[in-house]
Amino acid sequence: MSTITDYLYALAQKDGEAPLLFDEHKSYTAATALKTVEAYARALYGAGIREGDLVALQCKRKPETVLLMYAIMSVGGVAVLCDPHGAVNKFIVNTGVEMQVAANIEYADEKPCLLRGDCANAFVPDFSDGVFPLSSDGERPAMIIFTSGSTGVSKAVTLSQKNMIVNAENTVLADWYLQPERGMIITPINHLLGLLMTFCCTVAGYPLFFPAHTNPEYLMSSIEKYSITFIHGVPTTYVTAAEFAGRKNYDVSSLKCGLMSGGACPPEQFKRLETALNMTIIHAYGMSETGGITTMSRYDGFDFRASGTGRPFASMQVKIANENGEPLPVGDVGEICVKSPTVMLGYYNDPVATAAAFDKDGWFKTGDLGYFDENGSLSISGRIKDIIIRGGENLSCGKIERALCNLGGVHMAAVVGVKDEKYGEIPCAMVAVADGVKESDIKDALRDVLLKNEIPEKILTVKKLPLLPSGKPDKQTVKKFFER
């Protein structure tokens, strides 16, 4: 199995001067990226990092973060991908996952710093000719990413290089990345979409721009300045971009495509976003445990792209299963199950949770509900546990959120269940809306599309929803608003 270093070697040999990773201040070609990865790997080995060691990495949105991640893998270490804000040891403690790391890499004065025990040293890459044992096993543990914790509990997902490389190859084969593409990474590197984008850039050999921050106007000006052709993002990314694109005369005509995953985006909202940004948006489905994108369609027409998340990649087996794991026919809603070489190795140091995540035949149980339509496109109905039991009836948060997002003037919605003495639970919604949209207007509009018991009892209109670092609505925080 090839490693990501093999791809770097191939790129450097093919065209060492081709741009690969860059920000406003520094650019790495294929050749300099390879040399820097080797230099960081020598420094890591010299610092005592050995095969299997966990190295916590502060994932600031910088080219150096990607090069450090590749270097950790090169010596056989496991890159523990941590939030870019604050100390990595505090971040790991807050996840609730117990792990012992051999070293931490954090940024000080915008430069990486290696921390081992009580020692902190500037992390100086070693550009000597010294050798280090290059790991050639792409199937062993290589990185750990933490799920977003939208339910309040994070899990540490262990992935191999193979998991990510196969997914990147699938994406490239789907003609998602073709020269002369130029990407911009908006989503965090320590979350799946950002991580996938870094691997895809190396597999396909296209330039990837790292913005200094994600202020919407700065991102719009960066698209214009660097002729960005595509982005990855959650629905929030596109809602915000569409909102700001019209405020000033930014020339974002270079944008061709955007991959969207991680949340509901009904057809009406989907169309509004494509029109506002004048680009093709590709709905996709995937999760941390499946190592990237599971379903996606690029070249189908708008109706197909807007109605679902596309067809499975060639290397993916996807089934809709009932409670017994038996496949359901087209149109029936059940649990989405995946079998693929991209599926995670397991949850770190948690064999019980890992075993529970797979059925007896090796299918990974996503916990998501969905169905296949007659055209083979997968639609997501919601999470198995993301339901509200009101007076004994199960209500889908996903269904209510989609109905809200379909309404004009509604940008995003988060629906939660709140305790109620009479019904046990009632649906409540926090909704990000345009100026002038009122709670009464929303409730009136919902009466035509939802059952009476599905209409949220309380609707709180806001300018912006509280979000997790992944860009998804923070439902734990939303729930606290209604429980006050």
Protein backbone atom coordinates (compact mmCIF):
# COMPACT_ATOMS: atom_id res chain seq x y z
CA MET A 1 0.00 0.00 0.00
CA SER A 2 1.40 3.42 -0.98
CA THR A 3 2.01 6.07 1.65
CA ILE A 4 1.47 9.81 1.35
CA THR A 5 5.26 10.18 1.20
CA ASP A 6 5.26 8.02 -1.93
CA TYR A 7 2.90 10.53 -3.55
CA LEU A 8 5.16 13.41 -2.53
CA TYR A 9 8.16 11.65 -4.08
CA ALA A 10 6.19 11.05 -7.29
CA LEU A 11 5.11 14.71 -7.49
CA ALA A 12 8.62 15.98 -6.87
CA GLN A 13 10.01 13.67 -9.54
CA LYS A 14 7.35 14.62 -12.08
CA ASP A 15 7.60 18.40 -11.61
CA GLY A 16 9.47 19.54 -8.54
CA GLU A 17 8.74 23.21 -9.23
CA ALA A 18 4.96 22.77 -9.31
CA PRO A 19 3.27 24.78 -6.50
CA LEU A 20 1.65 22.64 -3.83
CA LEU A 21 0.98 24.42 -0.52
CA PHE A 22 0.96 28.17 0.04
CA ASP A 23 -0.28 31.01 2.22
CA GLU A 24 0.15 34.77 2.00
CA HIS A 25 3.78 34.63 3.09
CA LYS A 26 5.28 31.33 1.99
CA SER A 27 4.93 28.79 -0.80
CA TYR A 28 6.04 25.16 -1.02
CA THR A 29 6.62 23.46 -4.33
CA ALA A 30 6.38 19.69 -4.62
CA ALA A 31 10.17 19.47 -4.18
CA THR A 32 10.44 21.83 -1.20
CA ALA A 33 7.44 20.19 0.45
CA LEU A 34 9.15 16.81 0.20
CA LYS A 35 12.45 18.16 1.53
CA THR A 36 10.69 19.83 4.45
CA VAL A 37 8.75 16.67 5.35
CA GLU A 38 12.04 14.73 5.34
CA ALA A 39 13.70 17.45 7.47
CA TYR A 40 10.86 17.42 10.01
CA ALA A 41 10.98 13.60 10.08
CA ARG A 42 14.72 13.64 10.87
CA ALA A 43 14.09 16.11 13.67
CA LEU A 44 11.28 13.96 15.08
CA TYR A 45 13.44 10.85 14.97
CA GLY A 46 16.29 12.75 16.56
CA ALA A 47 13.91 13.81 19.34
CA GLY A 48 13.14 10.16 20.06
CA ILE A 49 9.85 9.67 18.23
CA ARG A 50 9.49 6.05 17.19
CA GLU A 51 6.95 3.85 15.41
CA GLY A 52 3.59 3.82 17.16
CA ASP A 53 4.27 6.92 19.29
CA LEU A 54 1.39 9.39 19.58
CA VAL A 55 2.34 12.96 18.67
CA ALA A 56 -0.29 15.61 19.42
CA LEU A 57 -0.34 18.28 16.70
CA GLN A 58 -1.94 21.72 17.02
CA CYS A 59 -3.71 21.99 13.67
CA LYS A 60 -3.41 25.67 12.82
CA ARG A 61 -4.43 26.43 9.25
CA LYS A 62 -0.89 26.52 7.88
CA PRO A 63 1.07 24.59 5.24
CA GLU A 64 3.52 23.58 7.96
CA THR A 65 0.76 21.70 9.82
CA VAL A 66 0.29 19.42 6.82
CA LEU A 67 4.05 18.91 6.42
CA LEU A 68 4.41 18.09 10.12
CA MET A 69 1.52 15.61 9.92
CA TYR A 70 3.17 13.87 6.97
CA ALA A 71 6.50 13.83 8.82
CA ILE A 72 4.96 12.17 11.88
CA MET A 73 3.58 9.45 9.62
CA SER A 74 6.92 9.13 7.81
CA VAL A 75 8.65 7.92 10.98
CA GLY A 76 5.73 5.63 11.84
CA GLY A 77 4.21 7.89 14.48
CA VAL A 78 0.51 8.60 14.95
CA ALA A 79 -0.56 12.23 14.46
CA VAL A 80 -3.19 13.16 17.05
CA LEU A 81 -4.95 16.05 15.31
CA CYS A 82 -5.97 18.70 17.84
CA ASP A 83 -7.93 21.92 17.79
CA PRO A 84 -5.88 24.94 16.62
CA HIS A 85 -6.96 27.05 19.58
CA GLY A 86 -5.16 26.56 22.89
CA ALA A 87 -2.81 23.95 24.30
CA VAL A 88 -3.15 20.45 22.84
CA ASN A 89 -2.93 18.68 26.22
CA LYS A 90 -5.92 20.69 27.47
CA PHE A 91 -7.83 19.89 24.27
CA ILE A 92 -7.21 16.15 24.69
CA VAL A 93 -8.30 16.26 28.33
CA ASN A 94 -11.51 18.04 27.33
CA THR A 95 -12.39 15.29 24.84
CA GLY A 96 -12.59 12.82 27.70
CA VAL A 97 -10.47 10.30 25.77
CA GLU A 98 -7.57 8.89 27.78
CA MET A 99 -4.29 8.72 25.87
CA GLN A 100 -0.60 9.11 26.52
CA VAL A 101 1.25 11.17 23.93
CA ALA A 102 5.01 11.03 23.41
CA ALA A 103 5.25 14.70 22.41
CA ASN A 104 3.19 17.78 21.60
CA ILE A 105 3.75 20.12 18.68
CA GLU A 106 2.29 23.59 19.16
CA TYR A 107 2.83 26.96 17.53
CA ALA A 108 4.66 29.78 19.30
CA ASP A 109 5.11 33.08 17.44
CA GLU A 110 3.70 31.31 14.38
CA LYS A 111 6.49 28.68 14.46
CA PRO A 112 6.11 25.04 15.53
CA CYS A 113 7.50 24.10 18.94
CA LEU A 114 8.17 20.58 20.22
CA LEU A 115 7.14 19.86 23.81
CA ARG A 116 8.29 16.72 25.65
CA GLY A 117 7.67 16.56 29.37
CA ASP A 118 8.91 19.81 30.89
CA CYS A 119 11.07 20.65 27.88
CA ALA A 120 9.97 23.02 25.12
CA ASN A 121 12.18 23.61 22.12
CA ALA A 122 11.79 25.37 18.81
CA PHE A 123 11.10 22.64 16.30
CA VAL A 124 13.95 23.09 13.83
CA PRO A 125 13.75 20.92 10.70
CA ASP A 126 16.93 18.93 10.06
CA PHE A 127 17.99 19.48 6.45
CA SER A 128 21.13 17.35 6.79
CA ASP A 129 21.74 14.17 4.83
CA GLY A 130 21.07 12.06 7.90
CA VAL A 131 18.87 9.02 7.41
CA PHE A 132 15.82 7.96 9.38
CA PRO A 133 13.72 4.77 9.13
CA LEU A 134 11.00 5.68 6.66
CA SER A 135 7.73 3.91 7.46
CA SER A 136 6.35 2.10 4.41
CA ASP A 137 3.25 0.62 6.04
CA GLY A 138 0.21 2.54 4.85
CA GLU A 139 -2.22 0.28 6.71
CA ARG A 140 -1.05 0.84 10.29
CA PRO A 141 -2.51 3.58 12.54
CA ALA A 142 -1.36 6.97 11.25
CA MET A 143 -3.71 9.63 12.64
CA ILE A 144 -6.40 10.16 15.23
CA ILE A 145 -9.21 12.65 14.71
CA PHE A 146 -11.95 13.47 17.20
CA THR A 147 -15.60 13.46 16.26
CA SER A 148 -17.25 16.85 16.59
CA GLY A 149 -19.09 16.02 19.79
CA SER A 150 -22.48 17.32 18.62
CA THR A 151 -24.07 14.91 21.11
CA GLY A 152 -21.73 16.09 23.87
CA VAL A 153 -19.35 13.12 23.65
CA SER A 154 -16.25 12.98 21.45
CA LYS A 155 -14.75 9.77 20.09
CA ALA A 156 -11.17 9.28 18.94
CA VAL A 157 -11.25 7.80 15.43
CA THR A 158 -8.09 5.96 14.37
CA LEU A 159 -7.32 6.11 10.66
CA SER A 160 -4.56 4.70 8.47
CA GLN A 161 -2.94 6.40 5.52
CA LYS A 162 -4.73 3.84 3.36
CA ASN A 163 -8.11 5.04 4.65
CA MET A 164 -7.45 8.60 3.50
CA ILE A 165 -5.48 7.81 0.33
CA VAL A 166 -8.17 5.47 -1.07
CA ASN A 167 -10.79 8.15 -0.43
CA ALA A 168 -8.61 10.79 -2.09
CA GLU A 169 -8.07 8.49 -5.08
CA ASN A 170 -11.84 7.92 -5.31
CA THR A 171 -12.40 11.66 -5.36
CA VAL A 172 -9.77 12.21 -8.03
CA LEU A 173 -11.20 9.40 -10.16
CA ALA A 174 -14.58 11.14 -9.90
CA ASP A 175 -12.96 14.08 -11.74
CA TRP A 176 -13.29 16.30 -8.72
CA TYR A 177 -9.68 17.46 -8.91
CA LEU A 178 -8.30 18.12 -12.36
CA GLN A 179 -5.55 20.56 -13.33
CA PRO A 180 -5.50 23.50 -13.29
CA GLU A 181 -7.52 23.42 -10.09
CA ARG A 182 -6.64 25.60 -7.10
CA GLY A 183 -8.22 24.95 -3.73
CA MET A 184 -8.68 26.94 -0.54
CA ILE A 185 -8.94 25.16 2.80
CA ILE A 186 -11.65 26.68 4.98
CA THR A 187 -12.68 23.80 7.22
CA PRO A 188 -10.33 22.87 10.10
CA ILE A 189 -7.51 20.43 9.32
CA ASN A 190 -8.39 18.42 12.44
CA HIS A 191 -11.84 17.65 11.03
CA LEU A 192 -12.63 15.29 8.20
CA LEU A 193 -13.32 17.71 5.32
CA GLY A 194 -10.14 19.67 5.97
CA LEU A 195 -8.06 16.52 6.40
CA LEU A 196 -9.43 15.02 3.20
CA MET A 197 -8.61 18.18 1.28
CA THR A 198 -4.95 18.02 2.32
CA PHE A 199 -4.66 14.40 1.18
CA CYS A 200 -6.42 15.13 -2.09
CA CYS A 201 -4.02 17.97 -2.85
CA THR A 202 -1.07 15.61 -2.50
CA VAL A 203 -2.63 12.73 -4.41
CA ALA A 204 -3.80 14.95 -7.29
CA GLY A 205 -0.94 17.46 -7.14
CA TYR A 206 -2.91 20.72 -7.15
CA PRO A 207 -2.07 23.94 -5.24
CA LEU A 208 -3.82 24.49 -1.92
CA PHE A 209 -4.13 27.94 -0.32
CA PHE A 210 -4.22 28.33 3.48
CA PRO A 211 -6.06 31.54 4.49
CA ALA A 212 -4.86 33.30 7.63
CA HIS A 213 -8.39 33.37 9.06
CA THR A 214 -11.98 32.76 7.97
CA ASN A 215 -13.45 36.25 8.07
CA PRO A 216 -15.98 36.09 5.19
CA GLU A 217 -14.80 39.26 3.45
CA TYR A 218 -11.18 38.11 3.68
CA LEU A 219 -12.14 34.76 2.15
CA MET A 220 -14.00 36.47 -0.70
CA SER A 221 -11.00 38.69 -1.44
CA SER A 222 -8.68 35.64 -1.30
CA ILE A 223 -10.80 33.79 -3.86
CA GLU A 224 -10.42 36.79 -6.15
CA LYS A 225 -6.71 37.35 -5.45
CA TYR A 226 -5.60 33.73 -5.89
CA SER A 227 -8.16 32.60 -8.50
CA ILE A 228 -9.48 29.82 -6.27
CA THR A 229 -11.48 27.25 -8.24
CA PHE A 230 -13.00 25.08 -5.49
CA ILE A 231 -13.64 24.79 -1.78
CA HIS A 232 -14.90 22.24 0.74
CA GLY A 233 -17.38 23.19 3.41
CA VAL A 234 -20.45 22.57 5.51
CA PRO A 235 -23.72 24.35 4.64
CA THR A 236 -22.73 27.25 6.90
CA THR A 237 -19.72 27.89 4.66
CA TYR A 238 -21.88 28.48 1.61
CA VAL A 239 -24.63 30.39 3.43
CA THR A 240 -22.03 32.84 4.74
CA ALA A 241 -20.24 33.09 1.38
CA ALA A 242 -23.51 33.81 -0.43
CA GLU A 243 -24.40 36.46 2.12
CA PHE A 244 -21.10 38.31 1.73
CA ALA A 245 -20.56 37.76 -2.00
CA GLY A 246 -23.19 40.35 -2.84
CA ARG A 247 -22.03 43.01 -0.41
CA LYS A 248 -19.05 44.13 -2.46
CA ASN A 249 -18.04 43.64 -6.05
CA TYR A 250 -15.77 40.67 -5.44
CA ASP A 251 -14.75 38.84 -8.60
CA VAL A 252 -15.27 35.22 -7.55
CA SER A 253 -15.90 34.00 -11.10
CA SER A 254 -12.91 31.64 -10.80
CA LEU A 255 -14.97 29.45 -8.44
CA LYS A 256 -16.18 26.39 -10.31
CA CYS A 257 -17.19 23.87 -7.70
CA GLY A 258 -17.78 23.43 -4.00
CA LEU A 259 -18.15 20.21 -2.07
CA MET A 260 -20.79 20.38 0.67
CA SER A 261 -21.17 17.90 3.50
CA GLY A 262 -21.97 17.80 7.20
CA GLY A 263 -25.53 19.10 7.35
CA ALA A 264 -28.95 19.49 5.82
CA CYS A 265 -29.39 21.66 2.74
CA PRO A 266 -32.85 21.25 1.17
CA PRO A 267 -33.32 21.77 -2.60
CA GLU A 268 -34.74 25.29 -2.33
CA GLN A 269 -31.83 26.49 -0.20
CA PHE A 270 -29.39 24.57 -2.40
CA LYS A 271 -30.66 26.44 -5.45
CA ARG A 272 -30.43 29.81 -3.71
CA LEU A 273 -26.78 29.17 -2.83
CA GLU A 274 -25.79 28.00 -6.32
CA THR A 275 -27.47 31.02 -7.87
CA ALA A 276 -25.92 33.51 -5.45
CA LEU A 277 -22.40 32.10 -5.90
CA ASN A 278 -22.73 31.17 -9.58
CA MET A 279 -20.96 27.86 -9.03
CA THR A 280 -21.75 24.15 -8.98
CA ILE A 281 -22.24 22.77 -5.48
CA ILE A 282 -21.76 19.05 -4.98
CA HIS A 283 -23.69 17.45 -2.15
CA ALA A 284 -21.69 14.67 -0.49
CA TYR A 285 -22.02 12.32 2.46
CA GLY A 286 -19.32 11.00 4.74
CA MET A 287 -18.15 10.91 8.33
CA SER A 288 -14.96 10.61 10.34
CA GLU A 289 -15.39 6.87 10.80
CA THR A 290 -15.73 6.22 7.07
CA GLY A 291 -12.50 8.07 6.31
CA GLY A 292 -13.95 10.72 4.02
CA ILE A 293 -16.59 10.93 1.33
CA THR A 294 -18.89 7.94 0.83
CA THR A 295 -21.35 9.28 -1.76
CA MET A 296 -21.05 12.17 -4.21
CA SER A 297 -22.11 13.15 -7.73
CA ARG A 298 -20.51 15.92 -9.75
CA TYR A 299 -21.75 15.77 -13.31
CA ASP A 300 -25.42 15.11 -12.74
CA GLY A 301 -27.99 17.85 -13.26
CA PHE A 302 -29.21 20.22 -10.58
CA ASP A 303 -32.31 18.22 -9.61
CA PHE A 304 -30.24 15.11 -8.94
CA ARG A 305 -27.54 16.97 -7.00
CA ALA A 306 -30.04 18.92 -4.91
CA SER A 307 -32.27 15.98 -4.03
CA GLY A 308 -29.67 13.77 -2.33
CA THR A 309 -26.01 13.19 -1.57
CA GLY A 310 -25.17 11.24 -4.72
CA ARG A 311 -24.12 7.70 -5.50
CA PRO A 312 -21.50 5.63 -3.64
CA PHE A 313 -17.92 5.67 -4.88
CA ALA A 314 -16.76 2.55 -6.69
CA SER A 315 -14.82 1.22 -3.68
CA MET A 316 -17.76 1.78 -1.31
CA GLN A 317 -20.47 -0.67 -0.43
CA VAL A 318 -23.47 1.07 1.11
CA LYS A 319 -26.67 -0.56 2.29
CA ILE A 320 -29.81 0.64 4.02
CA ALA A 321 -30.53 -1.81 6.83
CA ASN A 322 -33.36 -2.57 9.22
CA GLU A 323 -32.84 -3.26 12.93
CA ASN A 324 -31.61 -6.79 12.11
CA GLY A 325 -29.02 -5.58 9.60
CA GLU A 326 -31.05 -6.82 6.63
CA PRO A 327 -31.02 -4.67 3.47
CA LEU A 328 -34.13 -2.64 2.73
CA PRO A 329 -35.63 -1.93 -0.71
CA VAL A 330 -35.36 1.36 -2.60
CA GLY A 331 -37.29 4.15 -0.90
CA ASP A 332 -37.39 2.57 2.56
CA VAL A 333 -35.68 4.45 5.40
CA GLY A 334 -33.18 2.56 7.52
CA GLU A 335 -29.69 2.79 8.97
CA ILE A 336 -26.90 3.64 6.53
CA CYS A 337 -24.17 0.98 6.73
CA VAL A 338 -20.81 1.12 4.95
CA LYS A 339 -18.17 -1.44 4.05
CA SER A 340 -15.04 -0.02 2.42
CA PRO A 341 -11.23 0.11 2.64
CA THR A 342 -11.70 3.69 3.86
CA VAL A 343 -13.54 2.71 7.05
CA MET A 344 -11.64 3.48 10.27
CA LEU A 345 -9.40 1.02 12.08
CA GLY A 346 -11.44 1.64 15.22
CA TYR A 347 -11.95 3.97 18.16
CA TYR A 348 -8.67 4.58 19.98
CA ASN A 349 -8.17 2.28 22.97
CA ASP A 350 -11.88 1.43 23.05
CA PRO A 351 -12.48 -2.13 21.79
CA VAL A 352 -16.02 -2.20 23.21
CA ALA A 353 -17.17 0.87 21.26
CA THR A 354 -15.33 -0.38 18.18
CA ALA A 355 -17.06 -3.77 18.30
CA ALA A 356 -20.44 -2.11 18.79
CA ALA A 357 -19.89 0.06 15.70
CA PHE A 358 -19.78 -2.95 13.33
CA ASP A 359 -22.29 -5.69 12.66
CA LYS A 360 -21.39 -9.38 12.50
CA ASP A 361 -20.62 -9.15 8.78
CA GLY A 362 -18.21 -6.23 9.11
CA TRP A 363 -20.53 -3.41 8.05
CA PHE A 364 -19.93 -0.13 9.86
CA LYS A 365 -23.18 1.16 11.34
CA THR A 366 -23.17 4.93 10.83
CA GLY A 367 -26.08 5.75 13.12
CA ASP A 368 -27.50 7.85 10.28
CA LEU A 369 -30.90 7.20 8.76
CA GLY A 370 -31.41 7.41 5.01
CA TYR A 371 -32.72 5.82 1.85
CA PHE A 372 -31.80 5.27 -1.80
CA ASP A 373 -34.08 6.71 -4.46
CA GLU A 374 -34.83 5.09 -7.82
CA ASN A 375 -31.80 6.85 -9.36
CA GLY A 376 -29.39 5.40 -6.82
CA SER A 377 -28.87 8.65 -4.90
CA LEU A 378 -28.59 8.49 -1.12
CA SER A 379 -30.75 10.86 0.92
CA ILE A 380 -30.16 11.49 4.62
CA SER A 381 -33.18 11.50 6.92
CA GLY A 382 -31.41 12.20 10.22
CA ARG A 383 -29.63 10.50 13.09
CA ILE A 384 -31.09 7.44 14.80
CA LYS A 385 -30.62 9.17 18.15
CA ASP A 386 -31.55 12.62 16.83
CA ILE A 387 -35.23 12.14 17.51
CA ILE A 388 -37.72 13.75 19.85
CA ILE A 389 -40.24 11.50 21.58
CA ARG A 390 -43.33 13.67 22.05
CA GLY A 391 -46.20 11.94 23.76
CA GLY A 392 -44.93 8.57 22.55
CA GLU A 393 -44.46 9.66 18.92
CA ASN A 394 -41.01 9.84 17.34
CA LEU A 395 -40.28 13.15 15.61
CA SER A 396 -37.26 13.61 13.34
CA CYS A 397 -35.10 16.66 14.07
CA GLY A 398 -33.68 16.38 10.56
CA LYS A 399 -37.12 16.57 8.94
CA ILE A 400 -38.06 19.67 10.92
CA GLU A 401 -34.70 21.33 10.17
CA ARG A 402 -35.08 20.70 6.44
CA ALA A 403 -38.57 22.22 6.50
CA LEU A 404 -37.20 25.30 8.26
CA CYS A 405 -34.28 25.72 5.87
CA ASN A 406 -36.65 25.56 2.90
CA LEU A 407 -38.38 28.74 4.06
CA GLY A 408 -37.35 32.02 2.51
CA GLY A 409 -35.26 34.15 4.86
CA VAL A 410 -34.05 31.16 6.91
CA HIS A 411 -30.31 30.50 6.67
CA MET A 412 -29.78 27.70 9.19
CA ALA A 413 -31.77 25.81 11.83
CA ALA A 414 -31.07 23.58 14.81
CA VAL A 415 -33.91 21.58 16.35
CA VAL A 416 -33.63 20.01 19.80
CA GLY A 417 -35.87 18.15 22.21
CA VAL A 418 -36.64 19.92 25.49
CA LYS A 419 -38.17 18.27 28.54
CA ASP A 420 -41.89 18.88 29.03
CA GLU A 421 -44.14 17.76 31.90
CA LYS A 422 -47.10 16.94 29.65
CA TYR A 423 -45.48 15.38 26.55
CA GLY A 424 -42.11 14.24 27.88
CA GLU A 425 -40.30 16.17 25.15
CA ILE A 426 -41.23 18.97 22.79
CA PRO A 427 -39.41 20.26 19.68
CA CYS A 428 -37.77 23.69 19.93
CA ALA A 429 -35.77 25.45 17.23
CA MET A 430 -33.08 28.09 17.04
CA VAL A 431 -33.13 29.65 13.58
CA ALA A 432 -30.67 31.99 11.88
CA VAL A 433 -32.76 34.36 9.80
CA ALA A 434 -32.60 37.43 7.58
CA ASP A 435 -33.73 40.81 8.88
CA GLY A 436 -37.47 41.11 9.37
CA VAL A 437 -38.29 37.40 9.70
CA LYS A 438 -40.44 36.75 12.79
CA GLU A 439 -41.25 33.63 14.81
CA SER A 440 -44.94 33.96 13.92
CA ASP A 441 -44.11 34.06 10.18
CA ILE A 442 -42.09 30.85 10.50
CA LYS A 443 -44.81 29.01 12.43
CA ASP A 444 -47.44 30.05 9.91
CA ALA A 445 -45.33 28.77 7.01
CA LEU A 446 -44.59 25.47 8.74
CA ARG A 447 -48.28 24.61 9.05
CA ASP A 448 -48.32 23.79 5.32
CA VAL A 449 -45.36 21.40 5.43
CA LEU A 450 -45.28 19.78 8.89
CA LEU A 451 -47.71 17.93 11.11
CA LYS A 452 -49.06 19.90 14.05
CA ASN A 453 -46.97 18.00 16.61
CA GLU A 454 -43.80 18.54 14.53
CA ILE A 455 -44.02 22.34 14.57
CA PRO A 456 -41.56 23.63 17.20
CA GLU A 457 -43.26 24.87 20.36
CA LYS A 458 -40.62 27.56 20.72
CA ILE A 459 -38.66 29.24 17.93
CA LEU A 460 -35.77 31.52 18.77
CA THR A 461 -34.63 33.70 15.85
CA VAL A 462 -30.98 34.78 15.83
CA LYS A 463 -28.44 36.25 13.43
CA LYS A 464 -26.05 33.32 13.84
CA LEU A 465 -26.26 29.88 15.40
CA PRO A 466 -23.65 28.66 17.89
CA LEU A 467 -21.35 26.37 15.94
CA LEU A 468 -18.90 23.58 16.67
CA PRO A 469 -15.36 23.92 15.28
CA SER A 470 -16.47 21.68 12.39
CA GLY A 471 -19.06 24.29 11.36
CA LYS A 472 -22.05 22.19 12.43
CA PRO A 473 -24.67 23.65 14.81
CA ASP A 474 -23.75 23.13 18.47
CA LYS A 475 -26.96 21.47 19.63
CA GLN A 476 -25.79 21.12 23.22
CA THR A 477 -25.49 24.89 23.48
CA VAL A 478 -28.78 25.41 21.64
CA LYS A 479 -30.53 23.11 24.07
CA LYS A 480 -29.25 25.10 27.05
CA PHE A 481 -30.95 28.23 25.68
CA PHE A 482 -34.35 26.54 25.98
CA GLU A 483 -33.65 24.88 29.34
CA ARG A 484 -32.93 28.16 31.14
